[in-house]
Amino acid sequence: MITEFARHDVRPAPMSAALRGLTERERQVLTLIAEGLSNFEIAQRLHIGEGTAKTHIRHLLTKLDARDRVHLVITAYRSGLISPD
């Protein structure tokens, strides 16, 4: 569904100031969220605790003024951080 949405909105928006303000680790977490990984899977992939992964996600929600993980994924696609291919 997200891929289909992203295909209709193919023009990446310029990277927002909020997205530019993310740490490298937050960008990594956002990318993994967009790939559909769970908190546990993100923690395993990045060799961090699940609580740390949740903290990064909470920071992303705040920094990007996102309502939920779906909104984070949409932001990742629209910003060009993730491509629909």
C-alpha atoms as a PDB file:
ATOM      1  CA  MET A   1       0.000   0.000   0.000  1.00  0.00           C
ATOM      2  CA  ILE A   2       2.787   2.416   0.895  1.00  0.00           C
ATOM      3  CA  THR A   3       4.674   1.565  -2.284  1.00  0.00           C
ATOM      4  CA  GLU A   4       1.560   2.281  -4.321  1.00  0.00           C
ATOM      5  CA  PHE A   5       1.090   5.589  -2.480  1.00  0.00           C
ATOM      6  CA  ALA A   6       4.719   6.509  -3.089  1.00  0.00           C
ATOM      7  CA  ARG A   7       4.410   5.733  -6.813  1.00  0.00           C
ATOM      8  CA  HIS A   8       1.627   8.309  -7.148  1.00  0.00           C
ATOM      9  CA  ASP A   9       3.673  10.936  -5.394  1.00  0.00           C
ATOM     10  CA  VAL A  10       6.996  10.365  -7.147  1.00  0.00           C
ATOM     11  CA  ARG A  11       8.454  13.838  -6.764  1.00  0.00           C
ATOM     12  CA  PRO A  12      10.584  13.783  -3.620  1.00  0.00           C
ATOM     13  CA  ALA A  13      10.102  16.897  -1.577  1.00  0.00           C
ATOM     14  CA  PRO A  14      13.179  18.773  -0.487  1.00  0.00           C
ATOM     15  CA  MET A  15      14.505  17.324   2.743  1.00  0.00           C
ATOM     16  CA  SER A  16      12.746  19.132   5.546  1.00  0.00           C
ATOM     17  CA  ALA A  17      14.693  20.946   8.230  1.00  0.00           C
ATOM     18  CA  ALA A  18      13.421  18.371  10.722  1.00  0.00           C
ATOM     19  CA  LEU A  19      14.752  15.489   8.622  1.00  0.00           C
ATOM     20  CA  ARG A  20      18.094  17.241   8.208  1.00  0.00           C
ATOM     21  CA  GLY A  21      18.140  17.578  11.997  1.00  0.00           C
ATOM     22  CA  LEU A  22      18.037  13.810  12.554  1.00  0.00           C
ATOM     23  CA  THR A  23      21.089  11.998  13.796  1.00  0.00           C
ATOM     24  CA  GLU A  24      22.636   9.321  11.606  1.00  0.00           C
ATOM     25  CA  ARG A  25      21.228   6.655  13.934  1.00  0.00           C
ATOM     26  CA  GLU A  26      17.733   8.187  13.716  1.00  0.00           C
ATOM     27  CA  ARG A  27      17.982   8.092   9.911  1.00  0.00           C
ATOM     28  CA  GLN A  28      18.978   4.426  10.127  1.00  0.00           C
ATOM     29  CA  VAL A  29      16.006   3.673  12.375  1.00  0.00           C
ATOM     30  CA  LEU A  30      13.656   5.598  10.087  1.00  0.00           C
ATOM     31  CA  THR A  31      14.925   3.611   7.106  1.00  0.00           C
ATOM     32  CA  LEU A  32      14.343   0.336   8.940  1.00  0.00           C
ATOM     33  CA  ILE A  33      10.844   1.424   9.979  1.00  0.00           C
ATOM     34  CA  ALA A  34      10.128   2.152   6.314  1.00  0.00           C
ATOM     35  CA  GLU A  35      11.332  -1.370   5.470  1.00  0.00           C
ATOM     36  CA  GLY A  36       8.664  -2.689   7.839  1.00  0.00           C
ATOM     37  CA  LEU A  37      10.887  -3.929  10.650  1.00  0.00           C
ATOM     38  CA  SER A  38       9.502  -4.270  14.175  1.00  0.00           C
ATOM     39  CA  ASN A  39      11.154  -2.649  17.188  1.00  0.00           C
ATOM     40  CA  PHE A  40      12.766  -5.982  18.046  1.00  0.00           C
ATOM     41  CA  GLU A  41      14.077  -6.444  14.499  1.00  0.00           C
ATOM     42  CA  ILE A  42      15.443  -2.883  14.424  1.00  0.00           C
ATOM     43  CA  ALA A  43      17.244  -3.527  17.700  1.00  0.00           C
ATOM     44  CA  GLN A  44      18.755  -6.743  16.374  1.00  0.00           C
ATOM     45  CA  ARG A  45      19.832  -5.171  13.085  1.00  0.00           C
ATOM     46  CA  LEU A  46      21.515  -2.211  14.803  1.00  0.00           C
ATOM     47  CA  HIS A  47      22.896  -4.221  17.738  1.00  0.00           C
ATOM     48  CA  ILE A  48      21.072  -2.078  20.297  1.00  0.00           C
ATOM     49  CA  GLY A  49      18.529  -2.838  22.988  1.00  0.00           C
ATOM     50  CA  GLU A  50      14.845  -2.871  22.132  1.00  0.00           C
ATOM     51  CA  GLY A  51      14.320  -0.043  24.632  1.00  0.00           C
ATOM     52  CA  THR A  52      16.909   2.036  22.793  1.00  0.00           C
ATOM     53  CA  ALA A  53      15.138   1.355  19.498  1.00  0.00           C
ATOM     54  CA  LYS A  54      11.868   2.515  21.064  1.00  0.00           C
ATOM     55  CA  THR A  55      13.590   5.668  22.312  1.00  0.00           C
ATOM     56  CA  HIS A  56      14.862   6.441  18.804  1.00  0.00           C
ATOM     57  CA  ILE A  57      11.356   5.922  17.428  1.00  0.00           C
ATOM     58  CA  ARG A  58       9.866   8.190  20.065  1.00  0.00           C
ATOM     59  CA  HIS A  59      12.431  10.874  19.138  1.00  0.00           C
ATOM     60  CA  LEU A  60      11.561  10.456  15.450  1.00  0.00           C
ATOM     61  CA  LEU A  61       7.858  10.858  16.172  1.00  0.00           C
ATOM     62  CA  THR A  62       8.575  14.055  18.089  1.00  0.00           C
ATOM     63  CA  LYS A  63      11.144  15.554  15.732  1.00  0.00           C
ATOM     64  CA  LEU A  64       9.096  14.833  12.613  1.00  0.00           C
ATOM     65  CA  ASP A  65       5.777  15.721  14.263  1.00  0.00           C
ATOM     66  CA  ALA A  66       4.430  12.347  13.162  1.00  0.00           C
ATOM     67  CA  ARG A  67       1.294  10.708  14.556  1.00  0.00           C
ATOM     68  CA  ASP A  68       2.489   7.124  14.195  1.00  0.00           C
ATOM     69  CA  ARG A  69       4.868   4.768  12.384  1.00  0.00           C
ATOM     70  CA  VAL A  70       2.842   4.985   9.168  1.00  0.00           C
ATOM     71  CA  HIS A  71       3.279   8.738   9.155  1.00  0.00           C
ATOM     72  CA  LEU A  72       7.040   8.204   9.650  1.00  0.00           C
ATOM     73  CA  VAL A  73       7.117   5.901   6.605  1.00  0.00           C
ATOM     74  CA  ILE A  74       5.241   8.426   4.480  1.00  0.00           C
ATOM     75  CA  THR A  75       7.694  11.124   5.584  1.00  0.00           C
ATOM     76  CA  ALA A  76      10.647   8.877   4.665  1.00  0.00           C
ATOM     77  CA  TYR A  77       9.259   8.297   1.160  1.00  0.00           C
ATOM     78  CA  ARG A  78       8.236  11.893   0.546  1.00  0.00           C
ATOM     79  CA  SER A  79      11.617  13.192   1.647  1.00  0.00           C
ATOM     80  CA  GLY A  80      13.462  10.890  -0.727  1.00  0.00           C
ATOM     81  CA  LEU A  81      15.179   9.056   2.149  1.00  0.00           C
ATOM     82  CA  ILE A  82      13.521   5.887   0.839  1.00  0.00           C
ATOM     83  CA  SER A  83      12.671   5.186  -2.784  1.00  0.00           C
ATOM     84  CA  PRO A  84       9.621   3.138  -3.800  1.00  0.00           C
ATOM     85  CA  ASP A  85      11.720   0.708  -5.881  1.00  0.00           C
END
